[in-house]
Amino acid sequence: MNKLLATLVAGAFVASSTIALAQTPATPATPATPATPAAPAASSSGSMKSDAAMNHDNMSKKSKHAKNKSKKKAAKDAKKAAATDTSMKSETKPAK
C-alpha cells in the first residue's frame, strides 16, 4: 500500500511538473513594447461627487458624532415602526 501511495504521489508530481513546463512562454525574439499609460477620464457633469465633497477630513468630531447618532436613531425608529406594523396586523380581527 505504501509503494502504491508513493508511486501515485511521484506520478502526480511528474504530471504537474510537465504541465507547468509546457505552459511557460517561449522567449520572445523582440522585447515587448511598454504599455501606454491610460488617459485621465473626462469629468462628468454631476454623476460623481467632487473631490471636495468626498473629503471627510474637514468634518469635526461633533458633526461626525451627530451624523452617526441620527443614523442610529433613524434605524431604531424604522425598526420600531416595522414592529408596530406587524403587531397592528395581528390585533385586527376580520368582520363577520
C-alpha atoms as a PDB file:
ATOM      1  CA  MET A   1       0.000   0.000   0.000  1.00  0.00           C
ATOM      2  CA  ASN A   2       2.870   2.364   0.832  1.00  0.00           C
ATOM      3  CA  LYS A   3       4.544   1.657  -2.518  1.00  0.00           C
ATOM      4  CA  LEU A   4       1.309   2.396  -4.355  1.00  0.00           C
ATOM      5  CA  LEU A   5       0.853   5.662  -2.483  1.00  0.00           C
ATOM      6  CA  ALA A   6       4.460   6.697  -3.144  1.00  0.00           C
ATOM      7  CA  THR A   7       4.064   5.869  -6.841  1.00  0.00           C
ATOM      8  CA  LEU A   8       0.865   7.902  -7.105  1.00  0.00           C
ATOM      9  CA  VAL A   9       2.468  10.901  -5.392  1.00  0.00           C
ATOM     10  CA  ALA A  10       5.520  10.701  -7.656  1.00  0.00           C
ATOM     11  CA  GLY A  11       3.291  10.386 -10.738  1.00  0.00           C
ATOM     12  CA  ALA A  12       1.263  13.422  -9.709  1.00  0.00           C
ATOM     13  CA  PHE A  13       4.465  15.401  -9.226  1.00  0.00           C
ATOM     14  CA  VAL A  14       5.785  14.409 -12.655  1.00  0.00           C
ATOM     15  CA  ALA A  15       2.464  15.249 -14.332  1.00  0.00           C
ATOM     16  CA  SER A  16       2.190  18.663 -12.672  1.00  0.00           C
ATOM     17  CA  SER A  17       5.824  19.490 -13.468  1.00  0.00           C
ATOM     18  CA  THR A  18       5.341  18.538 -17.120  1.00  0.00           C
ATOM     19  CA  ILE A  19       2.196  20.661 -17.384  1.00  0.00           C
ATOM     20  CA  ALA A  20       3.960  23.608 -15.730  1.00  0.00           C
ATOM     21  CA  LEU A  21       6.881  23.345 -18.167  1.00  0.00           C
ATOM     22  CA  ALA A  22       4.510  23.191 -21.113  1.00  0.00           C
ATOM     23  CA  GLN A  23       2.831  26.416 -20.004  1.00  0.00           C
ATOM     24  CA  THR A  24       5.985  28.540 -19.752  1.00  0.00           C
ATOM     25  CA  PRO A  25       6.180  31.007 -22.644  1.00  0.00           C
ATOM     26  CA  ALA A  26       8.985  30.817 -25.142  1.00  0.00           C
ATOM     27  CA  THR A  27      11.474  33.684 -25.073  1.00  0.00           C
ATOM     28  CA  PRO A  28      10.309  36.395 -27.476  1.00  0.00           C
ATOM     29  CA  ALA A  29      12.508  37.375 -30.419  1.00  0.00           C
ATOM     30  CA  THR A  30      11.817  41.075 -29.839  1.00  0.00           C
ATOM     31  CA  PRO A  31      11.275  42.725 -26.469  1.00  0.00           C
ATOM     32  CA  ALA A  32       7.716  43.638 -25.620  1.00  0.00           C
ATOM     33  CA  THR A  33       6.633  47.223 -26.084  1.00  0.00           C
ATOM     34  CA  PRO A  34       5.860  49.053 -22.850  1.00  0.00           C
ATOM     35  CA  ALA A  35       2.237  49.766 -22.112  1.00  0.00           C
ATOM     36  CA  THR A  36       0.977  53.276 -22.647  1.00  0.00           C
ATOM     37  CA  PRO A  37      -0.437  54.994 -19.571  1.00  0.00           C
ATOM     38  CA  ALA A  38      -4.193  55.426 -19.513  1.00  0.00           C
ATOM     39  CA  ALA A  39      -5.582  58.855 -20.257  1.00  0.00           C
ATOM     40  CA  PRO A  40      -7.363  60.568 -17.352  1.00  0.00           C
ATOM     41  CA  ALA A  41     -11.118  60.207 -17.517  1.00  0.00           C
ATOM     42  CA  ALA A  42     -13.170  63.181 -18.575  1.00  0.00           C
ATOM     43  CA  SER A  43     -15.048  64.770 -15.701  1.00  0.00           C
ATOM     44  CA  SER A  44     -18.754  64.101 -15.810  1.00  0.00           C
ATOM     45  CA  SER A  45     -21.357  66.811 -15.384  1.00  0.00           C
ATOM     46  CA  GLY A  46     -22.644  65.706 -11.997  1.00  0.00           C
ATOM     47  CA  SER A  47     -22.911  61.970 -11.731  1.00  0.00           C
ATOM     48  CA  MET A  48     -19.956  61.745  -9.375  1.00  0.00           C
ATOM     49  CA  LYS A  49     -19.169  63.762  -6.269  1.00  0.00           C
ATOM     50  CA  SER A  50     -16.260  66.154  -6.456  1.00  0.00           C
ATOM     51  CA  ASP A  51     -13.092  65.518  -4.512  1.00  0.00           C
ATOM     52  CA  ALA A  52     -14.005  68.282  -2.092  1.00  0.00           C
ATOM     53  CA  ALA A  53     -17.323  66.609  -1.326  1.00  0.00           C
ATOM     54  CA  MET A  54     -15.604  63.264  -0.756  1.00  0.00           C
ATOM     55  CA  ASN A  55     -13.091  64.737   1.712  1.00  0.00           C
ATOM     56  CA  HIS A  56     -14.127  63.919   5.264  1.00  0.00           C
ATOM     57  CA  ASP A  57     -11.083  65.432   6.966  1.00  0.00           C
ATOM     58  CA  ASN A  58     -12.791  68.786   7.391  1.00  0.00           C
ATOM     59  CA  MET A  59     -15.652  67.235   9.361  1.00  0.00           C
ATOM     60  CA  SER A  60     -15.381  67.857  13.102  1.00  0.00           C
ATOM     61  CA  LYS A  61     -15.766  65.103  15.665  1.00  0.00           C
ATOM     62  CA  LYS A  62     -19.016  66.616  16.901  1.00  0.00           C
ATOM     63  CA  SER A  63     -20.596  66.635  13.484  1.00  0.00           C
ATOM     64  CA  LYS A  64     -19.427  63.034  12.877  1.00  0.00           C
ATOM     65  CA  HIS A  65     -20.955  62.015  16.206  1.00  0.00           C
ATOM     66  CA  ALA A  66     -24.210  63.817  15.437  1.00  0.00           C
ATOM     67  CA  LYS A  67     -24.378  62.238  11.985  1.00  0.00           C
ATOM     68  CA  ASN A  68     -23.837  58.738  13.401  1.00  0.00           C
ATOM     69  CA  LYS A  69     -26.339  59.377  16.176  1.00  0.00           C
ATOM     70  CA  SER A  70     -29.005  60.483  13.709  1.00  0.00           C
ATOM     71  CA  LYS A  71     -28.385  57.390  11.565  1.00  0.00           C
ATOM     72  CA  LYS A  72     -28.761  55.127  14.591  1.00  0.00           C
ATOM     73  CA  LYS A  73     -31.930  56.909  15.649  1.00  0.00           C
ATOM     74  CA  ALA A  74     -33.410  56.593  12.166  1.00  0.00           C
ATOM     75  CA  ALA A  75     -32.633  52.869  12.116  1.00  0.00           C
ATOM     76  CA  LYS A  76     -34.149  52.429  15.568  1.00  0.00           C
ATOM     77  CA  ASP A  77     -37.303  54.307  14.539  1.00  0.00           C
ATOM     78  CA  ALA A  78     -37.603  52.194  11.391  1.00  0.00           C
ATOM     79  CA  LYS A  79     -37.318  49.014  13.458  1.00  0.00           C
ATOM     80  CA  LYS A  80     -39.915  50.289  15.890  1.00  0.00           C
ATOM     81  CA  ALA A  81     -42.279  51.228  13.061  1.00  0.00           C
ATOM     82  CA  ALA A  82     -41.877  47.798  11.483  1.00  0.00           C
ATOM     83  CA  ALA A  83     -42.613  46.119  14.817  1.00  0.00           C
ATOM     84  CA  THR A  84     -45.771  48.158  15.365  1.00  0.00           C
ATOM     85  CA  ASP A  85     -46.954  47.456  11.816  1.00  0.00           C
ATOM     86  CA  THR A  86     -46.758  43.704  12.359  1.00  0.00           C
ATOM     87  CA  SER A  87     -48.383  43.906  15.786  1.00  0.00           C
ATOM     88  CA  MET A  88     -51.227  46.040  14.399  1.00  0.00           C
ATOM     89  CA  LYS A  89     -51.973  43.428  11.760  1.00  0.00           C
ATOM     90  CA  SER A  90     -52.280  40.669  14.306  1.00  0.00           C
ATOM     91  CA  GLU A  91     -54.607  42.696  16.571  1.00  0.00           C
ATOM     92  CA  THR A  92     -57.194  43.480  13.912  1.00  0.00           C
ATOM     93  CA  LYS A  93     -59.915  40.884  13.585  1.00  0.00           C
ATOM     94  CA  PRO A  94     -61.883  40.330  10.425  1.00  0.00           C
ATOM     95  CA  ALA A  95     -65.512  41.475  10.446  1.00  0.00           C
ATOM     96  CA  LYS A  96     -68.129  38.707  10.422  1.00  0.00           C
END
